Amino acid sequence: MPSSAPDVSTEVDVGERLQALRRFRRCTLREIAQRSGLSESFLSQVERGRSSASIASLRRIADALGVSMADLFEPDGPPGSRVLRRDDRPALSFGILGRKLLLTPGPLHHLEVFAGELELGGSTGTEPYAHGDSEELFVVQSGTVQLELGGELFELEPGDSIVYHSSTPHRVSNVGQELAEVMWIISPPSY
């Protein structure tokens, strides 16, 4: 049955989203640079899609804007139904050759679930990052990844999982020979 709804892409352009949030907050690039500790030129490049930001940098920008990381996944427009179809998942490119998809339809106040895809050689960024002090369950669905967690290294394969506090600096990288699919379950939400 054909849908009468317009075909709207759910791929969120993080640069456009950051620029819209910054303008909505009536902040200059200089103000966000000072609050985040990142350079004005880097922020400008991210907003224009000329540079990709790591999760750690996105966290710093979100904090400087006074928004949650989840706000970066919200496409503009009114909220939809509570069913979130696979093809409608808000997506965000992140880190190096990575993509994160929000699986929990809003508004959920006690749980966030993200699916991640890391291409060959992809990672969540060049540096470990931390966010909030939530409980985080990390699950590998396919591929082989390395999780750097508080200075320790764990090699994880399909079906493996690990629990930690999101305040512990962590970094995920694809060390396998294929696309790695992973999942983060976070409670309470700290993105």
N, C-alpha and C. Protein backbone atom coordinates (compact mmCIF):
# COMPACT_ATOMS: atom_id res chain seq x y z
N MET A 1 0.84 -1.17 0.00
CA MET A 1 0.00 0.00 0.00
C MET A 1 0.89 1.24 0.00
N PRO A 2 0.79 2.09 -1.04
CA PRO A 2 1.65 3.26 -1.10
C PRO A 2 1.30 4.25 0.00
N SER A 3 2.31 4.90 0.47
CA SER A 3 2.13 5.90 1.53
C SER A 3 1.92 7.26 0.91
N SER A 4 1.05 8.06 1.52
CA SER A 4 0.83 9.41 1.02
C SER A 4 1.79 10.39 1.67
N ALA A 5 2.56 9.90 2.64
CA ALA A 5 3.53 10.77 3.31
C ALA A 5 4.70 11.02 2.39
N PRO A 6 5.27 12.21 2.44
CA PRO A 6 6.43 12.48 1.60
C PRO A 6 7.61 11.62 2.00
N ASP A 7 8.45 11.31 1.02
CA ASP A 7 9.65 10.53 1.29
C ASP A 7 10.68 11.45 1.91
N VAL A 8 10.94 11.27 3.20
CA VAL A 8 11.87 12.12 3.92
C VAL A 8 13.03 11.28 4.39
N SER A 9 14.24 11.69 4.07
CA SER A 9 15.42 10.97 4.53
C SER A 9 15.59 11.19 6.03
N THR A 10 15.97 10.12 6.73
CA THR A 10 16.19 10.25 8.16
C THR A 10 17.67 10.39 8.49
N GLU A 11 18.52 10.45 7.47
CA GLU A 11 19.94 10.68 7.70
C GLU A 11 20.10 12.11 8.19
N VAL A 12 20.58 12.27 9.38
CA VAL A 12 20.72 13.60 9.96
C VAL A 12 22.09 14.15 9.58
N ASP A 13 22.12 15.33 8.98
CA ASP A 13 23.38 16.01 8.68
C ASP A 13 23.81 16.71 9.95
N VAL A 14 24.81 16.15 10.63
CA VAL A 14 25.21 16.67 11.93
C VAL A 14 25.66 18.13 11.84
N GLY A 15 26.31 18.50 10.76
CA GLY A 15 26.75 19.88 10.60
C GLY A 15 25.57 20.84 10.54
N GLU A 16 24.60 20.50 9.70
CA GLU A 16 23.40 21.33 9.61
C GLU A 16 22.67 21.39 10.95
N ARG A 17 22.59 20.24 11.61
CA ARG A 17 21.88 20.17 12.90
C ARG A 17 22.59 21.04 13.94
N LEU A 18 23.93 20.95 14.00
CA LEU A 18 24.68 21.77 14.95
C LEU A 18 24.50 23.25 14.66
N GLN A 19 24.54 23.60 13.38
CA GLN A 19 24.37 25.01 13.01
C GLN A 19 22.97 25.49 13.40
N ALA A 20 21.95 24.67 13.15
CA ALA A 20 20.58 25.05 13.50
C ALA A 20 20.43 25.22 15.01
N LEU A 21 21.01 24.29 15.78
CA LEU A 21 20.94 24.39 17.24
C LEU A 21 21.69 25.62 17.74
N ARG A 22 22.83 25.89 17.15
CA ARG A 22 23.62 27.07 17.56
C ARG A 22 22.85 28.35 17.26
N ARG A 23 22.25 28.42 16.09
CA ARG A 23 21.48 29.62 15.73
C ARG A 23 20.24 29.76 16.60
N PHE A 24 19.59 28.62 16.88
CA PHE A 24 18.41 28.65 17.75
C PHE A 24 18.78 29.20 19.13
N ARG A 25 19.96 28.84 19.62
CA ARG A 25 20.44 29.30 20.92
C ARG A 25 21.03 30.71 20.83
N ARG A 26 21.09 31.26 19.62
CA ARG A 26 21.64 32.59 19.36
C ARG A 26 23.09 32.70 19.85
N CYS A 27 23.87 31.68 19.51
CA CYS A 27 25.28 31.66 19.88
C CYS A 27 26.14 31.84 18.64
N THR A 28 27.29 32.46 18.82
CA THR A 28 28.26 32.58 17.73
C THR A 28 29.19 31.38 17.76
N LEU A 29 29.89 31.17 16.66
CA LEU A 29 30.90 30.11 16.63
C LEU A 29 31.96 30.37 17.70
N ARG A 30 32.31 31.63 17.88
CA ARG A 30 33.32 31.99 18.88
C ARG A 30 32.88 31.55 20.28
N GLU A 31 31.60 31.80 20.63
CA GLU A 31 31.09 31.41 21.95
C GLU A 31 31.15 29.90 22.15
N ILE A 32 30.73 29.17 21.13
CA ILE A 32 30.75 27.69 21.23
C ILE A 32 32.18 27.19 21.29
N ALA A 33 33.08 27.81 20.53
CA ALA A 33 34.49 27.44 20.57
C ALA A 33 35.06 27.63 21.97
N GLN A 34 34.76 28.77 22.60
CA GLN A 34 35.26 29.04 23.95
C GLN A 34 34.69 28.05 24.96
N ARG A 35 33.40 27.75 24.86
CA ARG A 35 32.76 26.83 25.81
C ARG A 35 33.23 25.39 25.63
N SER A 36 33.49 25.00 24.39
CA SER A 36 33.84 23.60 24.11
C SER A 36 35.34 23.33 24.14
N GLY A 37 36.13 24.39 24.03
CA GLY A 37 37.58 24.20 23.96
C GLY A 37 38.05 23.75 22.59
N LEU A 38 37.18 23.86 21.58
CA LEU A 38 37.53 23.51 20.21
C LEU A 38 37.73 24.79 19.42
N SER A 39 38.43 24.70 18.31
CA SER A 39 38.70 25.92 17.54
C SER A 39 37.48 26.34 16.73
N GLU A 40 37.41 27.63 16.51
CA GLU A 40 36.32 28.20 15.71
C GLU A 40 36.35 27.63 14.30
N SER A 41 37.55 27.50 13.73
CA SER A 41 37.66 26.99 12.36
C SER A 41 37.20 25.54 12.27
N PHE A 42 37.53 24.71 13.28
CA PHE A 42 37.08 23.32 13.29
C PHE A 42 35.56 23.27 13.34
N LEU A 43 34.95 24.07 14.24
CA LEU A 43 33.49 24.08 14.35
C LEU A 43 32.84 24.51 13.04
N SER A 44 33.42 25.49 12.38
CA SER A 44 32.90 25.95 11.09
C SER A 44 32.97 24.84 10.05
N GLN A 45 34.08 24.10 10.03
CA GLN A 45 34.24 23.00 9.08
C GLN A 45 33.22 21.89 9.36
N VAL A 46 32.97 21.59 10.63
CA VAL A 46 31.97 20.57 10.98
C VAL A 46 30.59 21.01 10.51
N GLU A 47 30.25 22.27 10.79
CA GLU A 47 28.93 22.79 10.39
C GLU A 47 28.74 22.75 8.88
N ARG A 48 29.81 22.98 8.13
CA ARG A 48 29.73 22.98 6.66
C ARG A 48 29.93 21.60 6.05
N GLY A 49 30.12 20.57 6.91
CA GLY A 49 30.30 19.21 6.40
C GLY A 49 31.66 18.94 5.81
N ARG A 50 32.63 19.79 6.12
CA ARG A 50 33.97 19.62 5.57
C ARG A 50 34.89 18.84 6.49
N SER A 51 34.42 18.60 7.71
CA SER A 51 35.20 17.84 8.68
C SER A 51 34.24 17.00 9.51
N SER A 52 34.70 15.83 9.91
CA SER A 52 33.90 14.95 10.76
C SER A 52 34.39 15.07 12.20
N ALA A 53 33.45 15.11 13.12
CA ALA A 53 33.80 15.25 14.53
C ALA A 53 33.76 13.90 15.22
N SER A 54 34.68 13.69 16.14
CA SER A 54 34.67 12.47 16.95
C SER A 54 33.52 12.55 17.95
N ILE A 55 33.20 11.43 18.56
CA ILE A 55 32.15 11.41 19.59
C ILE A 55 32.54 12.36 20.73
N ALA A 56 33.81 12.35 21.10
CA ALA A 56 34.27 13.23 22.19
C ALA A 56 34.06 14.70 21.82
N SER A 57 34.36 15.07 20.58
CA SER A 57 34.16 16.45 20.15
C SER A 57 32.68 16.80 20.08
N LEU A 58 31.87 15.86 19.56
CA LEU A 58 30.42 16.11 19.51
C LEU A 58 29.86 16.31 20.91
N ARG A 59 30.37 15.54 21.86
CA ARG A 59 29.92 15.67 23.26
C ARG A 59 30.25 17.07 23.79
N ARG A 60 31.46 17.53 23.49
CA ARG A 60 31.87 18.86 23.95
C ARG A 60 31.02 19.96 23.31
N ILE A 61 30.70 19.78 22.03
CA ILE A 61 29.87 20.77 21.32
C ILE A 61 28.44 20.75 21.90
N ALA A 62 27.89 19.55 22.10
CA ALA A 62 26.54 19.43 22.66
C ALA A 62 26.49 20.08 24.04
N ASP A 63 27.50 19.82 24.87
CA ASP A 63 27.56 20.45 26.21
C ASP A 63 27.62 21.97 26.09
N ALA A 64 28.41 22.47 25.14
CA ALA A 64 28.54 23.91 24.95
C ALA A 64 27.22 24.54 24.50
N LEU A 65 26.43 23.76 23.76
CA LEU A 65 25.13 24.25 23.30
C LEU A 65 24.03 24.04 24.35
N GLY A 66 24.33 23.26 25.38
CA GLY A 66 23.33 22.99 26.41
C GLY A 66 22.27 22.02 25.94
N VAL A 67 22.66 21.08 25.06
CA VAL A 67 21.74 20.07 24.56
C VAL A 67 22.33 18.69 24.83
N SER A 68 21.51 17.66 24.70
CA SER A 68 22.00 16.30 24.87
C SER A 68 22.51 15.78 23.53
N MET A 69 23.30 14.72 23.56
CA MET A 69 23.76 14.11 22.32
C MET A 69 22.57 13.60 21.51
N ALA A 70 21.52 13.14 22.19
CA ALA A 70 20.33 12.64 21.48
C ALA A 70 19.71 13.74 20.64
N ASP A 71 19.82 15.00 21.07
CA ASP A 71 19.27 16.11 20.28
C ASP A 71 19.93 16.20 18.90
N LEU A 72 21.14 15.69 18.78
CA LEU A 72 21.81 15.72 17.49
C LEU A 72 21.20 14.74 16.51
N PHE A 73 20.45 13.75 17.01
CA PHE A 73 19.82 12.74 16.17
C PHE A 73 18.41 13.14 15.75
N GLU A 74 17.85 14.16 16.37
CA GLU A 74 16.46 14.52 16.11
C GLU A 74 16.33 15.24 14.77
N PRO A 75 15.65 14.63 13.80
CA PRO A 75 15.40 15.38 12.58
C PRO A 75 14.39 16.48 12.88
N ASP A 76 14.45 17.54 12.13
CA ASP A 76 13.50 18.63 12.33
C ASP A 76 12.09 18.15 12.04
N GLY A 77 11.13 18.81 12.63
CA GLY A 77 9.74 18.49 12.37
C GLY A 77 9.07 17.88 13.58
N PRO A 78 7.77 17.63 13.46
CA PRO A 78 7.01 17.10 14.59
C PRO A 78 7.36 15.65 14.89
N PRO A 79 7.20 15.24 16.14
CA PRO A 79 7.49 13.85 16.48
C PRO A 79 6.51 12.91 15.79
N GLY A 80 6.99 11.73 15.49
CA GLY A 80 6.15 10.74 14.81
C GLY A 80 5.56 9.76 15.79
N SER A 81 5.19 8.60 15.30
CA SER A 81 4.59 7.57 16.14
C SER A 81 5.65 6.92 16.99
N ARG A 82 5.22 6.07 17.92
CA ARG A 82 6.16 5.39 18.81
C ARG A 82 6.86 4.23 18.13
N VAL A 83 6.36 3.78 16.99
CA VAL A 83 7.02 2.73 16.22
C VAL A 83 8.12 3.40 15.40
N LEU A 84 9.30 2.85 15.48
CA LEU A 84 10.41 3.40 14.72
C LEU A 84 10.85 2.33 13.72
N ARG A 85 10.51 2.52 12.47
CA ARG A 85 10.83 1.57 11.41
C ARG A 85 12.32 1.62 11.08
N ARG A 86 12.86 0.48 10.67
CA ARG A 86 14.28 0.38 10.35
C ARG A 86 14.75 1.49 9.41
N ASP A 87 14.00 1.75 8.37
CA ASP A 87 14.39 2.75 7.38
C ASP A 87 14.20 4.18 7.88
N ASP A 88 13.55 4.35 9.03
CA ASP A 88 13.28 5.69 9.56
C ASP A 88 14.17 6.05 10.75
N ARG A 89 15.14 5.21 11.07
CA ARG A 89 16.01 5.48 12.21
C ARG A 89 16.83 6.74 11.97
N PRO A 90 16.80 7.69 12.90
CA PRO A 90 17.69 8.84 12.77
C PRO A 90 19.14 8.36 12.82
N ALA A 91 19.95 8.85 11.89
CA ALA A 91 21.33 8.39 11.78
C ALA A 91 22.28 9.58 11.90
N LEU A 92 23.46 9.28 12.38
CA LEU A 92 24.49 10.29 12.57
C LEU A 92 25.83 9.67 12.20
N SER A 93 26.54 10.29 11.26
CA SER A 93 27.90 9.86 10.98
C SER A 93 28.77 10.33 12.13
N PHE A 94 29.69 9.50 12.57
CA PHE A 94 30.52 9.87 13.71
C PHE A 94 31.89 9.24 13.59
N GLY A 95 32.83 9.80 14.32
CA GLY A 95 34.17 9.22 14.39
C GLY A 95 34.78 9.06 13.02
N ILE A 96 35.45 7.92 12.85
CA ILE A 96 36.14 7.61 11.61
C ILE A 96 35.41 6.44 10.97
N LEU A 97 34.78 6.69 9.82
CA LEU A 97 34.05 5.66 9.07
C LEU A 97 32.98 4.98 9.93
N GLY A 98 32.28 5.76 10.73
CA GLY A 98 31.26 5.19 11.61
C GLY A 98 29.91 5.85 11.41
N ARG A 99 28.88 5.13 11.83
CA ARG A 99 27.51 5.63 11.74
C ARG A 99 26.74 5.08 12.92
N LYS A 100 25.97 5.93 13.59
CA LYS A 100 25.16 5.54 14.74
C LYS A 100 23.70 5.77 14.40
N LEU A 101 22.86 4.78 14.76
CA LEU A 101 21.43 4.86 14.50
C LEU A 101 20.68 4.76 15.81
N LEU A 102 19.80 5.72 16.06
CA LEU A 102 19.00 5.72 17.28
C LEU A 102 17.86 4.73 17.11
N LEU A 103 17.73 3.77 18.03
CA LEU A 103 16.70 2.74 17.94
C LEU A 103 15.50 3.01 18.84
N THR A 104 15.65 3.90 19.80
CA THR A 104 14.57 4.15 20.76
C THR A 104 13.77 5.37 20.32
N PRO A 105 12.49 5.16 20.02
CA PRO A 105 11.67 6.30 19.67
C PRO A 105 11.42 7.16 20.90
N GLY A 106 11.37 8.46 20.72
CA GLY A 106 11.13 9.34 21.86
C GLY A 106 9.68 9.32 22.27
N PRO A 107 9.33 9.79 23.40
CA PRO A 107 10.28 10.18 24.44
C PRO A 107 10.47 9.05 25.44
N LEU A 108 11.69 8.54 25.55
CA LEU A 108 12.04 7.58 26.59
C LEU A 108 13.02 8.29 27.51
N HIS A 109 12.72 8.31 28.79
CA HIS A 109 13.54 9.07 29.72
C HIS A 109 14.54 8.22 30.49
N HIS A 110 14.44 6.88 30.38
CA HIS A 110 15.30 6.02 31.19
C HIS A 110 16.17 5.07 30.37
N LEU A 111 16.08 5.16 29.04
CA LEU A 111 16.79 4.20 28.22
C LEU A 111 17.10 4.79 26.85
N GLU A 112 18.32 4.56 26.36
CA GLU A 112 18.71 4.89 25.00
C GLU A 112 19.34 3.65 24.39
N VAL A 113 19.01 3.37 23.15
CA VAL A 113 19.61 2.25 22.44
C VAL A 113 20.07 2.76 21.08
N PHE A 114 21.35 2.53 20.78
CA PHE A 114 21.93 2.92 19.51
C PHE A 114 22.50 1.69 18.82
N ALA A 115 22.30 1.59 17.50
CA ALA A 115 22.99 0.60 16.69
C ALA A 115 24.12 1.35 16.00
N GLY A 116 25.27 0.72 15.89
CA GLY A 116 26.41 1.36 15.25
C GLY A 116 26.96 0.51 14.14
N GLU A 117 27.47 1.17 13.12
CA GLU A 117 28.14 0.49 12.02
C GLU A 117 29.53 1.10 11.88
N LEU A 118 30.54 0.26 11.91
CA LEU A 118 31.92 0.72 11.74
C LEU A 118 32.50 0.02 10.51
N GLU A 119 32.86 0.82 9.52
CA GLU A 119 33.46 0.25 8.32
C GLU A 119 34.86 -0.26 8.65
N LEU A 120 35.50 -0.95 7.69
CA LEU A 120 36.86 -1.43 7.88
C LEU A 120 37.75 -0.28 8.32
N GLY A 121 38.47 -0.44 9.41
CA GLY A 121 39.34 0.60 9.93
C GLY A 121 38.61 1.72 10.66
N GLY A 122 37.29 1.61 10.79
CA GLY A 122 36.51 2.65 11.43
C GLY A 122 36.60 2.60 12.95
N SER A 123 36.29 3.73 13.58
CA SER A 123 36.32 3.80 15.04
C SER A 123 35.40 4.92 15.51
N THR A 124 35.21 5.00 16.82
CA THR A 124 34.41 6.08 17.39
C THR A 124 35.18 7.39 17.44
N GLY A 125 36.43 7.37 17.06
CA GLY A 125 37.27 8.57 17.03
C GLY A 125 38.69 8.22 17.41
N THR A 126 39.55 9.22 17.38
CA THR A 126 40.96 8.97 17.68
C THR A 126 41.24 8.90 19.17
N GLU A 127 40.29 9.38 19.98
CA GLU A 127 40.51 9.42 21.42
C GLU A 127 39.32 8.80 22.16
N PRO A 128 39.56 8.17 23.30
CA PRO A 128 38.45 7.67 24.11
C PRO A 128 37.56 8.83 24.57
N TYR A 129 36.29 8.56 24.78
CA TYR A 129 35.36 9.58 25.23
C TYR A 129 34.53 9.03 26.39
N ALA A 130 33.95 9.92 27.15
CA ALA A 130 33.07 9.56 28.27
C ALA A 130 31.86 10.46 28.20
N HIS A 131 30.76 10.03 28.80
CA HIS A 131 29.54 10.83 28.80
C HIS A 131 28.68 10.42 29.99
N GLY A 132 28.34 11.38 30.84
CA GLY A 132 27.47 11.10 31.99
C GLY A 132 28.06 10.06 32.92
N ASP A 133 27.20 9.44 33.70
CA ASP A 133 27.61 8.33 34.58
C ASP A 133 26.51 7.27 34.56
N SER A 134 26.16 6.85 33.35
CA SER A 134 25.11 5.86 33.15
C SER A 134 25.71 4.46 33.10
N GLU A 135 24.85 3.46 33.21
CA GLU A 135 25.26 2.09 32.94
C GLU A 135 25.15 1.89 31.44
N GLU A 136 26.18 1.28 30.86
CA GLU A 136 26.20 1.10 29.42
C GLU A 136 26.51 -0.36 29.12
N LEU A 137 25.68 -0.95 28.28
CA LEU A 137 25.89 -2.31 27.81
C LEU A 137 26.28 -2.21 26.34
N PHE A 138 27.43 -2.77 25.98
CA PHE A 138 27.92 -2.75 24.61
C PHE A 138 27.86 -4.17 24.08
N VAL A 139 27.24 -4.36 22.90
CA VAL A 139 27.05 -5.68 22.32
C VAL A 139 27.57 -5.68 20.89
N VAL A 140 28.34 -6.71 20.53
CA VAL A 140 28.82 -6.87 19.15
C VAL A 140 27.85 -7.79 18.43
N GLN A 141 27.32 -7.31 17.31
CA GLN A 141 26.39 -8.13 16.54
C GLN A 141 27.08 -8.84 15.38
N SER A 142 28.04 -8.15 14.74
CA SER A 142 28.81 -8.80 13.68
C SER A 142 30.17 -8.11 13.59
N GLY A 143 31.15 -8.86 13.06
CA GLY A 143 32.49 -8.32 12.93
C GLY A 143 33.30 -8.51 14.21
N THR A 144 34.50 -7.97 14.20
CA THR A 144 35.39 -8.03 15.35
C THR A 144 35.81 -6.61 15.70
N VAL A 145 35.61 -6.24 16.96
CA VAL A 145 35.96 -4.89 17.39
C VAL A 145 36.89 -4.95 18.59
N GLN A 146 37.61 -3.86 18.78
CA GLN A 146 38.43 -3.70 19.97
C GLN A 146 37.82 -2.56 20.78
N LEU A 147 37.57 -2.83 22.05
CA LEU A 147 37.06 -1.82 22.96
C LEU A 147 38.18 -1.41 23.90
N GLU A 148 38.54 -0.14 23.84
CA GLU A 148 39.49 0.43 24.79
C GLU A 148 38.64 1.00 25.91
N LEU A 149 38.85 0.51 27.12
CA LEU A 149 38.01 0.90 28.25
C LEU A 149 38.89 1.18 29.45
N GLY A 150 38.99 2.46 29.80
CA GLY A 150 39.78 2.84 30.96
C GLY A 150 41.21 2.33 30.91
N GLY A 151 41.80 2.30 29.72
CA GLY A 151 43.19 1.85 29.59
C GLY A 151 43.35 0.37 29.29
N GLU A 152 42.27 -0.44 29.43
CA GLU A 152 42.32 -1.86 29.10
C GLU A 152 41.80 -2.08 27.69
N LEU A 153 42.28 -3.13 27.01
CA LEU A 153 41.83 -3.47 25.67
C LEU A 153 41.08 -4.80 25.69
N PHE A 154 39.93 -4.83 25.03
CA PHE A 154 39.12 -6.04 24.94
C PHE A 154 38.82 -6.29 23.46
N GLU A 155 39.12 -7.50 22.97
CA GLU A 155 38.73 -7.86 21.61
C GLU A 155 37.42 -8.62 21.71
N LEU A 156 36.40 -8.13 21.00
CA LEU A 156 35.06 -8.69 21.11
C LEU A 156 34.57 -9.15 19.74
N GLU A 157 33.86 -10.28 19.75
CA GLU A 157 33.33 -10.87 18.52
C GLU A 157 31.82 -10.98 18.61
N PRO A 158 31.16 -11.40 17.53
CA PRO A 158 29.69 -11.47 17.53
C PRO A 158 29.13 -12.21 18.75
N GLY A 159 28.17 -11.57 19.41
CA GLY A 159 27.54 -12.15 20.58
C GLY A 159 28.18 -11.74 21.89
N ASP A 160 29.41 -11.22 21.82
CA ASP A 160 30.08 -10.76 23.04
C ASP A 160 29.47 -9.46 23.52
N SER A 161 29.46 -9.27 24.84
CA SER A 161 28.96 -8.02 25.41
C SER A 161 29.80 -7.67 26.62
N ILE A 162 29.73 -6.40 27.00
CA ILE A 162 30.47 -5.92 28.16
C ILE A 162 29.67 -4.77 28.77
N VAL A 163 29.71 -4.67 30.10
CA VAL A 163 29.01 -3.62 30.83
C VAL A 163 30.04 -2.72 31.49
N TYR A 164 29.79 -1.41 31.49
CA TYR A 164 30.67 -0.43 32.12
C TYR A 164 29.89 0.84 32.38
N HIS A 165 30.51 1.75 33.12
CA HIS A 165 29.90 3.06 33.34
C HIS A 165 30.35 3.98 32.21
N SER A 166 29.41 4.76 31.69
CA SER A 166 29.71 5.64 30.56
C SER A 166 30.71 6.74 30.93
N SER A 167 30.95 6.92 32.22
CA SER A 167 31.94 7.92 32.66
C SER A 167 33.37 7.40 32.51
N THR A 168 33.53 6.11 32.22
CA THR A 168 34.85 5.53 31.96
C THR A 168 35.20 5.81 30.51
N PRO A 169 36.32 6.47 30.24
CA PRO A 169 36.69 6.75 28.85
C PRO A 169 36.73 5.45 28.03
N HIS A 170 36.08 5.48 26.87
CA HIS A 170 36.02 4.30 26.02
C HIS A 170 36.11 4.67 24.55
N ARG A 171 36.59 3.72 23.77
CA ARG A 171 36.76 3.91 22.32
C ARG A 171 36.59 2.55 21.66
N VAL A 172 35.85 2.52 20.57
CA VAL A 172 35.61 1.27 19.84
C VAL A 172 36.24 1.40 18.46
N SER A 173 36.93 0.34 18.01
CA SER A 173 37.48 0.34 16.66
C SER A 173 37.25 -1.02 16.01
N ASN A 174 37.02 -0.99 14.71
CA ASN A 174 36.82 -2.21 13.92
C ASN A 174 38.19 -2.78 13.58
N VAL A 175 38.52 -3.93 14.14
CA VAL A 175 39.81 -4.57 13.88
C VAL A 175 39.64 -5.80 13.00
N GLY A 176 38.42 -6.03 12.51
CA GLY A 176 38.14 -7.19 11.67
C GLY A 176 38.32 -6.89 10.20
N GLN A 177 37.82 -7.81 9.38
CA GLN A 177 37.96 -7.71 7.92
C GLN A 177 36.63 -7.42 7.23
N GLU A 178 35.63 -7.00 8.02
CA GLU A 178 34.30 -6.72 7.46
C GLU A 178 33.63 -5.62 8.27
N LEU A 179 32.51 -5.15 7.80
CA LEU A 179 31.72 -4.17 8.53
C LEU A 179 31.40 -4.73 9.91
N ALA A 180 31.57 -3.91 10.93
CA ALA A 180 31.22 -4.32 12.29
C ALA A 180 29.91 -3.64 12.68
N GLU A 181 28.98 -4.42 13.21
CA GLU A 181 27.71 -3.89 13.69
C GLU A 181 27.66 -4.10 15.20
N VAL A 182 27.40 -3.01 15.91
CA VAL A 182 27.43 -3.03 17.37
C VAL A 182 26.18 -2.34 17.92
N MET A 183 25.99 -2.47 19.23
CA MET A 183 24.85 -1.83 19.86
C MET A 183 25.26 -1.31 21.22
N TRP A 184 24.77 -0.10 21.55
CA TRP A 184 24.96 0.50 22.87
C TRP A 184 23.59 0.63 23.53
N ILE A 185 23.44 0.11 24.74
CA ILE A 185 22.22 0.26 25.53
C ILE A 185 22.62 1.05 26.76
N ILE A 186 22.01 2.23 26.95
CA ILE A 186 22.44 3.17 27.98
C ILE A 186 21.27 3.54 28.89
N SER A 187 21.49 3.43 30.19
CA SER A 187 20.44 3.79 31.14
C SER A 187 21.06 4.45 32.36
N PRO A 188 20.57 5.61 32.78
CA PRO A 188 19.66 6.48 32.03
C PRO A 188 20.38 7.12 30.86
N PRO A 189 19.62 7.69 29.90
CA PRO A 189 20.26 8.31 28.73
C PRO A 189 21.31 9.33 29.14
N SER A 190 22.46 9.27 28.49
CA SER A 190 23.51 10.25 28.78
C SER A 190 24.07 10.86 27.52
N TYR A 191 23.44 10.60 26.40
CA TYR A 191 23.80 11.27 25.16
C TYR A 191 22.89 12.43 25.04
